[in-house]
C-alpha atoms as a PDB file:
ATOM      1  CA  MET A   1      82.493  10.475 124.305  1.00  0.00           C
ATOM      2  CA  SER A   2      80.372  11.313 121.276  1.00  0.00           C
ATOM      3  CA  GLU A   3      78.725   8.990 118.794  1.00  0.00           C
ATOM      4  CA  ARG A   4      80.811   7.067 116.218  1.00  0.00           C
ATOM      5  CA  ASN A   5      83.898   7.544 118.400  1.00  0.00           C
ATOM      6  CA  GLN A   6      84.392  11.105 117.120  1.00  0.00           C
ATOM      7  CA  ILE A   7      86.071  13.585 119.444  1.00  0.00           C
ATOM      8  CA  ARG A   8      84.377  16.997 119.479  1.00  0.00           C
ATOM      9  CA  ILE A   9      86.848  19.743 120.380  1.00  0.00           C
ATOM     10  CA  GLY A  10      85.448  23.098 121.469  1.00  0.00           C
ATOM     11  CA  ALA A  11      87.329  26.361 121.056  1.00  0.00           C
ATOM     12  CA  ARG A  12      86.808  30.056 120.489  1.00  0.00           C
ATOM     13  CA  GLY A  13      86.462  31.372 116.954  1.00  0.00           C
ATOM     14  CA  SER A  14      89.653  33.430 116.793  1.00  0.00           C
ATOM     15  CA  LEU A  15      92.350  32.474 114.335  1.00  0.00           C
ATOM     16  CA  LEU A  16      94.736  31.731 117.216  1.00  0.00           C
ATOM     17  CA  SER A  17      92.208  29.489 118.955  1.00  0.00           C
ATOM     18  CA  ARG A  18      91.538  27.619 115.720  1.00  0.00           C
ATOM     19  CA  ARG A  19      95.282  27.191 115.142  1.00  0.00           C
ATOM     20  CA  GLN A  20      95.713  25.811 118.668  1.00  0.00           C
ATOM     21  CA  THR A  21      92.822  23.418 118.062  1.00  0.00           C
ATOM     22  CA  GLU A  22      94.422  22.231 114.817  1.00  0.00           C
ATOM     23  CA  SER A  23      97.568  21.405 116.781  1.00  0.00           C
ATOM     24  CA  VAL A  24      95.596  19.460 119.395  1.00  0.00           C
ATOM     25  CA  ARG A  25      93.747  17.561 116.660  1.00  0.00           C
ATOM     26  CA  ALA A  26      97.057  16.647 115.008  1.00  0.00           C
ATOM     27  CA  TRP A  27      98.573  15.416 118.282  1.00  0.00           C
ATOM     28  CA  LEU A  28      95.507  13.339 119.064  1.00  0.00           C
ATOM     29  CA  ALA A  29      95.411  11.904 115.529  1.00  0.00           C
ATOM     30  CA  ALA A  30      99.021  10.772 115.896  1.00  0.00           C
ATOM     31  CA  ALA A  31      98.279   9.146 119.255  1.00  0.00           C
ATOM     32  CA  TRP A  32      94.817   7.774 118.424  1.00  0.00           C
ATOM     33  CA  PRO A  33      94.650   7.221 114.638  1.00  0.00           C
ATOM     34  CA  ASP A  34      91.295   5.435 114.940  1.00  0.00           C
ATOM     35  CA  ARG A  35      89.662   8.413 116.685  1.00  0.00           C
ATOM     36  CA  PRO A  36      88.559  11.149 114.245  1.00  0.00           C
ATOM     37  CA  SER A  37      88.011  14.627 115.673  1.00  0.00           C
ATOM     38  CA  THR A  38      86.134  17.747 114.707  1.00  0.00           C
ATOM     39  CA  GLY A  39      86.301  21.339 115.887  1.00  0.00           C
ATOM     40  CA  VAL A  40      83.298  23.109 117.406  1.00  0.00           C
ATOM     41  CA  ILE A  41      83.370  26.923 117.563  1.00  0.00           C
ATOM     42  CA  ILE A  42      81.829  28.426 120.704  1.00  0.00           C
ATOM     43  CA  GLU A  43      81.555  32.185 121.178  1.00  0.00           C
ATOM     44  CA  THR A  44      82.442  33.469 124.646  1.00  0.00           C
ATOM     45  CA  ARG A  45      81.531  36.650 126.479  1.00  0.00           C
ATOM     46  CA  GLY A  46      85.095  37.854 126.049  1.00  0.00           C
ATOM     47  CA  ASP A  47      84.726  37.560 122.271  1.00  0.00           C
ATOM     48  CA  ARG A  48      81.439  39.469 122.254  1.00  0.00           C
ATOM     49  CA  THR A  49      82.549  42.333 124.509  1.00  0.00           C
ATOM     50  CA  LEU A  50      85.519  44.118 122.979  1.00  0.00           C
ATOM     51  CA  ASP A  51      84.831  47.695 124.077  1.00  0.00           C
ATOM     52  CA  HIS A  52      85.949  47.296 127.714  1.00  0.00           C
ATOM     53  CA  PRO A  53      89.228  46.228 129.349  1.00  0.00           C
ATOM     54  CA  LEU A  54      89.278  42.557 130.331  1.00  0.00           C
ATOM     55  CA  PRO A  55      89.357  43.155 134.142  1.00  0.00           C
ATOM     56  CA  ASP A  56      86.213  45.310 133.820  1.00  0.00           C
ATOM     57  CA  ILE A  57      84.077  42.562 132.278  1.00  0.00           C
ATOM     58  CA  GLY A  58      84.902  39.675 134.578  1.00  0.00           C
ATOM     59  CA  GLY A  59      88.538  38.715 134.084  1.00  0.00           C
ATOM     60  CA  LYS A  60      89.814  35.416 132.747  1.00  0.00           C
ATOM     61  CA  GLY A  61      86.544  33.502 133.041  1.00  0.00           C
ATOM     62  CA  VAL A  62      84.966  35.493 130.216  1.00  0.00           C
ATOM     63  CA  PHE A  63      86.923  33.348 127.737  1.00  0.00           C
ATOM     64  CA  THR A  64      86.149  29.982 129.335  1.00  0.00           C
ATOM     65  CA  TRP A  65      82.697  29.817 130.929  1.00  0.00           C
ATOM     66  CA  GLU A  66      80.723  28.916 127.790  1.00  0.00           C
ATOM     67  CA  LEU A  67      83.234  26.222 126.837  1.00  0.00           C
ATOM     68  CA  GLU A  68      83.080  24.667 130.294  1.00  0.00           C
ATOM     69  CA  GLU A  69      79.281  24.682 130.206  1.00  0.00           C
ATOM     70  CA  ALA A  70      79.349  22.929 126.817  1.00  0.00           C
ATOM     71  CA  LEU A  71      81.668  20.299 128.315  1.00  0.00           C
ATOM     72  CA  ARG A  72      79.339  19.672 131.246  1.00  0.00           C
ATOM     73  CA  ALA A  73      76.332  19.448 128.929  1.00  0.00           C
ATOM     74  CA  GLY A  74      78.065  16.865 126.723  1.00  0.00           C
ATOM     75  CA  GLN A  75      77.981  19.137 123.665  1.00  0.00           C
ATOM     76  CA  ILE A  76      81.759  18.816 123.290  1.00  0.00           C
ATOM     77  CA  ASP A  77      84.325  16.332 124.605  1.00  0.00           C
ATOM     78  CA  LEU A  78      87.352  18.629 124.973  1.00  0.00           C
ATOM     79  CA  ALA A  79      87.940  22.373 125.263  1.00  0.00           C
ATOM     80  CA  VAL A  80      91.102  24.093 124.049  1.00  0.00           C
ATOM     81  CA  HIS A  81      92.364  27.273 125.728  1.00  0.00           C
ATOM     82  CA  SER A  82      95.420  29.440 126.034  1.00  0.00           C
ATOM     83  CA  LEU A  83      96.357  28.255 129.523  1.00  0.00           C
ATOM     84  CA  LYS A  84      96.921  31.787 130.787  1.00  0.00           C
ATOM     85  CA  ASP A  85      93.221  32.501 130.119  1.00  0.00           C
ATOM     86  CA  LEU A  86      92.013  29.695 132.401  1.00  0.00           C
ATOM     87  CA  PRO A  87      91.008  30.761 135.926  1.00  0.00           C
ATOM     88  CA  THR A  88      92.952  29.015 138.688  1.00  0.00           C
ATOM     89  CA  GLY A  89      89.841  28.143 140.712  1.00  0.00           C
ATOM     90  CA  PRO A  90      88.172  24.723 140.517  1.00  0.00           C
ATOM     91  CA  ALA A  91      85.795  23.926 137.660  1.00  0.00           C
ATOM     92  CA  PRO A  92      83.372  21.277 139.018  1.00  0.00           C
ATOM     93  CA  GLY A  93      83.421  18.104 136.956  1.00  0.00           C
ATOM     94  CA  ILE A  94      86.205  19.362 134.693  1.00  0.00           C
ATOM     95  CA  VAL A  95      89.989  18.938 134.731  1.00  0.00           C
ATOM     96  CA  ILE A  96      92.909  20.140 132.640  1.00  0.00           C
ATOM     97  CA  GLY A  97      93.614  16.783 131.029  1.00  0.00           C
ATOM     98  CA  ALA A  98      96.630  17.889 128.994  1.00  0.00           C
ATOM     99  CA  ILE A  99      99.176  20.673 128.859  1.00  0.00           C
ATOM    100  CA  PRO A 100     101.145  19.910 125.670  1.00  0.00           C
ATOM    101  CA  GLU A 101     104.707  21.059 125.066  1.00  0.00           C
ATOM    102  CA  ARG A 102     105.004  24.766 125.751  1.00  0.00           C
ATOM    103  CA  LEU A 103     106.206  27.441 123.346  1.00  0.00           C
ATOM    104  CA  ARG A 104     108.166  30.512 124.432  1.00  0.00           C
ATOM    105  CA  SER A 105     106.571  32.302 127.378  1.00  0.00           C
ATOM    106  CA  SER A 106     107.883  35.790 126.698  1.00  0.00           C
ATOM    107  CA  ASP A 107     106.055  38.912 125.506  1.00  0.00           C
ATOM    108  CA  VAL A 108     106.863  40.898 122.379  1.00  0.00           C
ATOM    109  CA  LEU A 109     106.643  44.559 121.463  1.00  0.00           C
ATOM    110  CA  ILE A 110     104.850  45.471 118.244  1.00  0.00           C
ATOM    111  CA  SER A 111     105.506  49.037 117.118  1.00  0.00           C
ATOM    112  CA  ARG A 112     104.251  51.066 114.187  1.00  0.00           C
ATOM    113  CA  SER A 113     107.703  52.443 113.402  1.00  0.00           C
ATOM    114  CA  GLY A 114     109.704  49.322 114.245  1.00  0.00           C
ATOM    115  CA  ALA A 115     111.155  51.022 117.338  1.00  0.00           C
ATOM    116  CA  THR A 116     112.055  48.944 120.389  1.00  0.00           C
ATOM    117  CA  LEU A 117     110.629  49.784 123.811  1.00  0.00           C
ATOM    118  CA  MET A 118     113.525  52.019 124.769  1.00  0.00           C
ATOM    119  CA  GLU A 119     113.509  53.675 121.339  1.00  0.00           C
ATOM    120  CA  LEU A 120     109.861  54.742 121.500  1.00  0.00           C
ATOM    121  CA  PRO A 121     109.467  58.532 121.737  1.00  0.00           C
ATOM    122  CA  ALA A 122     108.532  60.202 125.004  1.00  0.00           C
ATOM    123  CA  ASP A 123     104.842  59.906 125.875  1.00  0.00           C
ATOM    124  CA  ALA A 124     104.283  57.221 123.244  1.00  0.00           C
ATOM    125  CA  VAL A 125     100.907  55.447 123.406  1.00  0.00           C
ATOM    126  CA  ILE A 126     101.226  51.724 124.048  1.00  0.00           C
ATOM    127  CA  GLY A 127      98.312  49.328 123.906  1.00  0.00           C
ATOM    128  CA  THR A 128      97.604  46.591 126.444  1.00  0.00           C
ATOM    129  CA  SER A 129      94.609  45.537 128.519  1.00  0.00           C
ATOM    130  CA  SER A 130      96.814  43.591 130.931  1.00  0.00           C
ATOM    131  CA  HIS A 131      97.567  45.152 134.314  1.00  0.00           C
ATOM    132  CA  ARG A 132     100.638  42.914 134.512  1.00  0.00           C
ATOM    133  CA  ARG A 133     102.064  44.270 131.271  1.00  0.00           C
ATOM    134  CA  ALA A 134     101.048  47.864 131.999  1.00  0.00           C
ATOM    135  CA  ALA A 135     102.709  47.947 135.419  1.00  0.00           C
ATOM    136  CA  GLN A 136     105.952  46.417 134.156  1.00  0.00           C
ATOM    137  CA  LEU A 137     106.027  48.880 131.246  1.00  0.00           C
ATOM    138  CA  ARG A 138     105.537  51.805 133.608  1.00  0.00           C
ATOM    139  CA  ARG A 139     108.362  50.479 135.762  1.00  0.00           C
ATOM    140  CA  VAL A 140     110.913  51.056 132.989  1.00  0.00           C
ATOM    141  CA  ARG A 141     109.146  53.793 130.973  1.00  0.00           C
ATOM    142  CA  PRO A 142     106.953  55.872 133.317  1.00  0.00           C
ATOM    143  CA  ASP A 143     106.396  58.364 130.513  1.00  0.00           C
ATOM    144  CA  LEU A 144     104.429  55.915 128.364  1.00  0.00           C
ATOM    145  CA  GLN A 145     100.702  56.450 127.893  1.00  0.00           C
ATOM    146  CA  VAL A 146      99.119  53.023 128.398  1.00  0.00           C
ATOM    147  CA  GLN A 147      95.778  52.579 126.629  1.00  0.00           C
ATOM    148  CA  SER A 148      93.477  49.558 126.527  1.00  0.00           C
ATOM    149  CA  ILE A 149      93.542  47.490 123.346  1.00  0.00           C
ATOM    150  CA  ARG A 150      91.257  44.493 122.779  1.00  0.00           C
ATOM    151  CA  GLY A 151      90.714  42.025 119.974  1.00  0.00           C
ATOM    152  CA  ASN A 152      92.385  38.991 118.477  1.00  0.00           C
ATOM    153  CA  VAL A 153      96.142  38.891 117.853  1.00  0.00           C
ATOM    154  CA  ASP A 154      95.842  39.834 114.184  1.00  0.00           C
ATOM    155  CA  SER A 155      93.428  42.708 114.906  1.00  0.00           C
ATOM    156  CA  ARG A 156      95.689  44.120 117.633  1.00  0.00           C
ATOM    157  CA  ILE A 157      98.647  44.033 115.271  1.00  0.00           C
ATOM    158  CA  ARG A 158      96.533  45.781 112.633  1.00  0.00           C
ATOM    159  CA  LYS A 159      95.428  48.478 115.101  1.00  0.00           C
ATOM    160  CA  THR A 160      99.039  49.052 116.161  1.00  0.00           C
ATOM    161  CA  LYS A 161     100.369  49.294 112.600  1.00  0.00           C
ATOM    162  CA  ASP A 162      97.551  51.577 111.397  1.00  0.00           C
ATOM    163  CA  PRO A 163      99.171  54.906 110.349  1.00  0.00           C
ATOM    164  CA  ALA A 164      96.016  56.722 111.455  1.00  0.00           C
ATOM    165  CA  GLY A 165      95.661  54.763 114.696  1.00  0.00           C
ATOM    166  CA  ILE A 166      96.219  55.970 118.241  1.00  0.00           C
ATOM    167  CA  TYR A 167      98.821  53.359 119.186  1.00  0.00           C
ATOM    168  CA  ASP A 168     102.569  53.726 118.764  1.00  0.00           C
ATOM    169  CA  ALA A 169     103.107  50.190 120.055  1.00  0.00           C
ATOM    170  CA  SER A 170     101.444  47.252 121.796  1.00  0.00           C
ATOM    171  CA  VAL A 171     102.513  44.176 123.757  1.00  0.00           C
ATOM    172  CA  LEU A 172     101.435  40.622 122.907  1.00  0.00           C
ATOM    173  CA  ALA A 173     102.478  37.080 123.822  1.00  0.00           C
ATOM    174  CA  THR A 174     105.323  35.635 121.761  1.00  0.00           C
ATOM    175  CA  ALA A 175     103.632  32.227 121.540  1.00  0.00           C
ATOM    176  CA  GLY A 176     100.519  33.649 119.892  1.00  0.00           C
ATOM    177  CA  LEU A 177     102.562  35.233 117.137  1.00  0.00           C
ATOM    178  CA  GLU A 178     104.613  32.067 116.725  1.00  0.00           C
ATOM    179  CA  ARG A 179     101.505  29.913 116.296  1.00  0.00           C
ATOM    180  CA  LEU A 180     100.176  32.318 113.661  1.00  0.00           C
ATOM    181  CA  GLY A 181     103.483  32.721 111.834  1.00  0.00           C
ATOM    182  CA  LEU A 182     103.532  36.433 112.688  1.00  0.00           C
ATOM    183  CA  LEU A 183     106.636  36.708 114.848  1.00  0.00           C
ATOM    184  CA  GLY A 184     108.277  38.777 112.119  1.00  0.00           C
ATOM    185  CA  GLU A 185     105.873  41.595 113.045  1.00  0.00           C
ATOM    186  CA  ALA A 186     107.624  42.054 116.408  1.00  0.00           C
ATOM    187  CA  ALA A 187     110.089  44.862 116.979  1.00  0.00           C
ATOM    188  CA  GLU A 188     111.641  42.943 119.880  1.00  0.00           C
ATOM    189  CA  ILE A 189     111.124  40.085 122.293  1.00  0.00           C
ATOM    190  CA  LEU A 190     111.021  41.613 125.762  1.00  0.00           C
ATOM    191  CA  PRO A 191     113.476  40.104 128.288  1.00  0.00           C
ATOM    192  CA  PHE A 192     112.153  38.506 131.471  1.00  0.00           C
ATOM    193  CA  ASP A 193     113.909  40.982 133.758  1.00  0.00           C
ATOM    194  CA  LEU A 194     111.764  43.688 132.156  1.00  0.00           C
ATOM    195  CA  MET A 195     108.570  41.734 131.374  1.00  0.00           C
ATOM    196  CA  LEU A 196     107.951  38.543 133.347  1.00  0.00           C
ATOM    197  CA  PRO A 197     105.097  36.548 131.777  1.00  0.00           C
ATOM    198  CA  ALA A 198     101.667  35.634 133.056  1.00  0.00           C
ATOM    199  CA  PRO A 199     101.346  32.250 134.785  1.00  0.00           C
ATOM    200  CA  GLY A 200     100.828  29.614 132.102  1.00  0.00           C
ATOM    201  CA  GLN A 201     101.734  31.903 129.209  1.00  0.00           C
ATOM    202  CA  GLY A 202     102.940  30.068 126.110  1.00  0.00           C
ATOM    203  CA  ALA A 203     101.073  26.868 126.983  1.00  0.00           C
ATOM    204  CA  ILE A 204      97.823  25.328 125.758  1.00  0.00           C
ATOM    205  CA  GLY A 205      95.415  23.853 128.297  1.00  0.00           C
ATOM    206  CA  VAL A 206      93.018  21.121 127.140  1.00  0.00           C
ATOM    207  CA  GLN A 207      90.053  20.566 129.438  1.00  0.00           C
ATOM    208  CA  CYS A 208      87.937  17.424 129.622  1.00  0.00           C
ATOM    209  CA  ARG A 209      85.279  15.944 131.856  1.00  0.00           C
ATOM    210  CA  ASP A 210      86.695  14.338 134.971  1.00  0.00           C
ATOM    211  CA  ASP A 211      86.283  10.707 133.951  1.00  0.00           C
ATOM    212  CA  ARG A 212      88.718   7.880 133.258  1.00  0.00           C
ATOM    213  CA  ASP A 213      88.214   7.692 129.472  1.00  0.00           C
ATOM    214  CA  SER A 214      88.669  11.421 128.927  1.00  0.00           C
ATOM    215  CA  ARG A 215      91.784  11.558 131.110  1.00  0.00           C
ATOM    216  CA  ALA A 216      93.293   8.570 129.265  1.00  0.00           C
ATOM    217  CA  LEU A 217      92.572  10.180 125.902  1.00  0.00           C
ATOM    218  CA  LEU A 218      94.562  13.297 126.816  1.00  0.00           C
ATOM    219  CA  ALA A 219      97.316  11.751 128.935  1.00  0.00           C
ATOM    220  CA  VAL A 220      99.344  10.852 125.836  1.00  0.00           C
ATOM    221  CA  ILE A 221      99.715  14.499 124.755  1.00  0.00           C
ATOM    222  CA  ASP A 222     100.469  15.860 128.228  1.00  0.00           C
ATOM    223  CA  ASP A 223     104.018  17.245 128.569  1.00  0.00           C
ATOM    224  CA  HIS A 224     105.687  16.633 131.937  1.00  0.00           C
ATOM    225  CA  ASP A 225     107.848  19.769 132.009  1.00  0.00           C
ATOM    226  CA  ALA A 226     105.031  22.052 130.839  1.00  0.00           C
ATOM    227  CA  ARG A 227     102.675  20.683 133.492  1.00  0.00           C
ATOM    228  CA  ILE A 228     105.199  20.974 136.313  1.00  0.00           C
ATOM    229  CA  CYS A 229     106.156  24.562 135.486  1.00  0.00           C
ATOM    230  CA  THR A 230     102.673  25.885 134.748  1.00  0.00           C
ATOM    231  CA  SER A 231     101.135  24.147 137.768  1.00  0.00           C
ATOM    232  CA  ALA A 232     103.672  25.903 139.993  1.00  0.00           C
ATOM    233  CA  GLU A 233     103.024  29.248 138.289  1.00  0.00           C
ATOM    234  CA  ARG A 234      99.248  28.930 138.570  1.00  0.00           C
ATOM    235  CA  ALA A 235      99.536  27.870 142.218  1.00  0.00           C
ATOM    236  CA  PHE A 236     101.517  31.063 142.907  1.00  0.00           C
ATOM    237  CA  LEU A 237      98.732  33.151 141.354  1.00  0.00           C
ATOM    238  CA  ALA A 238      95.987  31.237 143.149  1.00  0.00           C
ATOM    239  CA  ALA A 239      97.686  31.522 146.537  1.00  0.00           C
ATOM    240  CA  LEU A 240      98.045  35.284 146.134  1.00  0.00           C
ATOM    241  CA  GLY A 241      94.384  35.541 145.095  1.00  0.00           C
ATOM    242  CA  GLY A 242      95.087  38.289 142.586  1.00  0.00           C
ATOM    243  CA  GLY A 243      93.056  36.870 139.708  1.00  0.00           C
ATOM    244  CA  CYS A 244      92.966  39.152 136.681  1.00  0.00           C
ATOM    245  CA  THR A 245      93.066  42.392 138.663  1.00  0.00           C
ATOM    246  CA  ALA A 246      96.529  42.383 140.184  1.00  0.00           C
ATOM    247  CA  PRO A 247      99.752  42.750 138.160  1.00  0.00           C
ATOM    248  CA  ILE A 248     101.126  39.280 138.977  1.00  0.00           C
ATOM    249  CA  ALA A 249     103.739  37.452 136.907  1.00  0.00           C
ATOM    250  CA  CYS A 250     105.407  34.080 137.374  1.00  0.00           C
ATOM    251  CA  TYR A 251     107.699  31.846 135.338  1.00  0.00           C
ATOM    252  CA  GLY A 252     109.180  28.442 136.055  1.00  0.00           C
ATOM    253  CA  VAL A 253     112.043  26.552 134.407  1.00  0.00           C
ATOM    254  CA  LEU A 254     112.621  22.845 135.005  1.00  0.00           C
ATOM    255  CA  THR A 255     116.147  21.505 134.544  1.00  0.00           C
ATOM    256  CA  GLY A 256     116.140  17.801 135.178  1.00  0.00           C
ATOM    257  CA  ASN A 257     114.106  17.639 138.390  1.00  0.00           C
ATOM    258  CA  ARG A 258     115.155  21.071 139.632  1.00  0.00           C
ATOM    259  CA  LEU A 259     112.562  23.824 139.350  1.00  0.00           C
ATOM    260  CA  ARG A 260     113.483  27.490 139.388  1.00  0.00           C
ATOM    261  CA  LEU A 261     110.364  29.565 139.986  1.00  0.00           C
ATOM    262  CA  GLN A 262     110.353  33.364 139.802  1.00  0.00           C
ATOM    263  CA  GLY A 263     107.373  35.440 140.877  1.00  0.00           C
ATOM    264  CA  ARG A 264     106.632  39.149 140.645  1.00  0.00           C
ATOM    265  CA  LEU A 265     103.912  41.415 142.024  1.00  0.00           C
ATOM    266  CA  LEU A 266     103.619  45.113 141.256  1.00  0.00           C
ATOM    267  CA  ALA A 267     101.522  48.081 142.300  1.00  0.00           C
ATOM    268  CA  LEU A 268      99.156  49.200 139.552  1.00  0.00           C
ATOM    269  CA  ASP A 269     101.073  52.473 139.225  1.00  0.00           C
ATOM    270  CA  ALA A 270     104.402  50.580 139.274  1.00  0.00           C
ATOM    271  CA  SER A 271     105.538  52.429 142.408  1.00  0.00           C
ATOM    272  CA  GLU A 272     106.355  49.094 144.079  1.00  0.00           C
ATOM    273  CA  GLN A 273     107.661  45.783 142.789  1.00  0.00           C
ATOM    274  CA  ILE A 274     108.200  42.569 144.736  1.00  0.00           C
ATOM    275  CA  ASP A 275     110.358  39.815 143.232  1.00  0.00           C
ATOM    276  CA  VAL A 276     110.749  36.381 144.794  1.00  0.00           C
ATOM    277  CA  VAL A 277     112.621  33.275 143.615  1.00  0.00           C
ATOM    278  CA  LEU A 278     112.511  29.649 144.748  1.00  0.00           C
ATOM    279  CA  GLU A 279     114.577  26.645 143.661  1.00  0.00           C
ATOM    280  CA  ARG A 280     113.896  23.041 144.689  1.00  0.00           C
ATOM    281  CA  GLU A 281     113.760  19.451 143.494  1.00  0.00           C
ATOM    282  CA  ILE A 282     110.371  18.570 141.998  1.00  0.00           C
ATOM    283  CA  THR A 283     109.210  15.132 140.865  1.00  0.00           C
ATOM    284  CA  ASP A 284     105.428  15.476 140.516  1.00  0.00           C
ATOM    285  CA  GLU A 285     102.623  17.989 140.098  1.00  0.00           C
ATOM    286  CA  SER A 286     101.692  18.083 143.781  1.00  0.00           C
ATOM    287  CA  MET A 287     105.236  19.170 144.641  1.00  0.00           C
ATOM    288  CA  ALA A 288     105.067  21.834 141.935  1.00  0.00           C
ATOM    289  CA  ILE A 289     101.841  23.205 143.388  1.00  0.00           C
ATOM    290  CA  ALA A 290     103.413  23.267 146.849  1.00  0.00           C
ATOM    291  CA  ALA A 291     106.355  25.216 145.433  1.00  0.00           C
ATOM    292  CA  GLY A 292     103.993  27.821 143.981  1.00  0.00           C
ATOM    293  CA  VAL A 293     102.199  28.175 147.301  1.00  0.00           C
ATOM    294  CA  ASP A 294     105.510  28.536 149.150  1.00  0.00           C
ATOM    295  CA  LEU A 295     106.686  31.201 146.705  1.00  0.00           C
ATOM    296  CA  ALA A 296     103.455  33.119 147.291  1.00  0.00           C
ATOM    297  CA  ALA A 297     104.084  32.909 151.043  1.00  0.00           C
ATOM    298  CA  ALA A 298     107.548  34.375 150.490  1.00  0.00           C
ATOM    299  CA  ALA A 299     105.989  37.214 148.477  1.00  0.00           C
ATOM    300  CA  MET A 300     103.529  37.913 151.277  1.00  0.00           C
ATOM    301  CA  GLU A 301     106.361  38.070 153.771  1.00  0.00           C
ATOM    302  CA  SER A 302     108.009  40.630 151.476  1.00  0.00           C
ATOM    303  CA  GLY A 303     104.980  42.919 151.494  1.00  0.00           C
ATOM    304  CA  ALA A 304     102.599  41.405 148.942  1.00  0.00           C
ATOM    305  CA  THR A 305      99.730  41.199 151.445  1.00  0.00           C
ATOM    306  CA  ALA A 306      99.583  44.970 151.897  1.00  0.00           C
ATOM    307  CA  LEU A 307     100.044  45.560 148.189  1.00  0.00           C
ATOM    308  CA  LEU A 308      97.203  43.202 147.256  1.00  0.00           C
ATOM    309  CA  GLN A 309      94.857  44.885 149.719  1.00  0.00           C
ATOM    310  CA  VAL A 310      95.355  48.137 147.846  1.00  0.00           C
ATOM    311  CA  ILE A 311      94.950  46.544 144.395  1.00  0.00           C
ATOM    312  CA  VAL A 312      91.989  44.280 145.095  1.00  0.00           C
END
């Protein structure tokens, strides 16, 4: 850890990232009142490159690489991310030390007129840079014109609401709006049968170096249910190997020790959709990961292998 016992917490410079960091600082202050913390803003490639869709510039890692390098170099002690932005592959020397209590995992529709998804006019332009969101939108509204939209949550809302803008609507994560106090901007919260979320959506992931002190520091703010569900979801994504390119969605709910895990894979043009569901008793993270892998195997048996070969 850093000098004078101060915890240095790295994050991106967006308002949402800063708000998430403030939450982590508050949780740590409550657990470790003798450990002051400070935020360190680190610009990532994803923040610098806003004129291309996310899959075209390297996928999820464009929001995390610089933060992970700062962790390894000892420039920061922790790194705060939206968990859905973290790649599922291993990060040498780094672990996700805490997944605090999760907010809602759903997506919302923002529209210029206040119209819901089914109320949007024919051929309306809807903004998203997510293949997962685009494919699920096309599944229910094949007439929609999906256009890439990049930027922070507040800038995407502003672009959507602009009377002179090109977008009639856009889709964002409910949790991001909740953390910013902007949920009132949404025309509707999209139901899971229509829009299943990205693995890990709604959760914060806090990375640390893989050492005993760092793990102990974060263990007190780790939420059992959030870790079980998101570990299963991320294992499903990792086992399919779709990364940021394939339209893959997954959502888990833990009731007592019983996990219900739902996965979805779509063709980019929404011509095919594969849905799989698994329910089993889960008591630890390793069992959750195994459940995600088993659900991916079920998806492959249902045709996901052929579909992924076309996408990837």
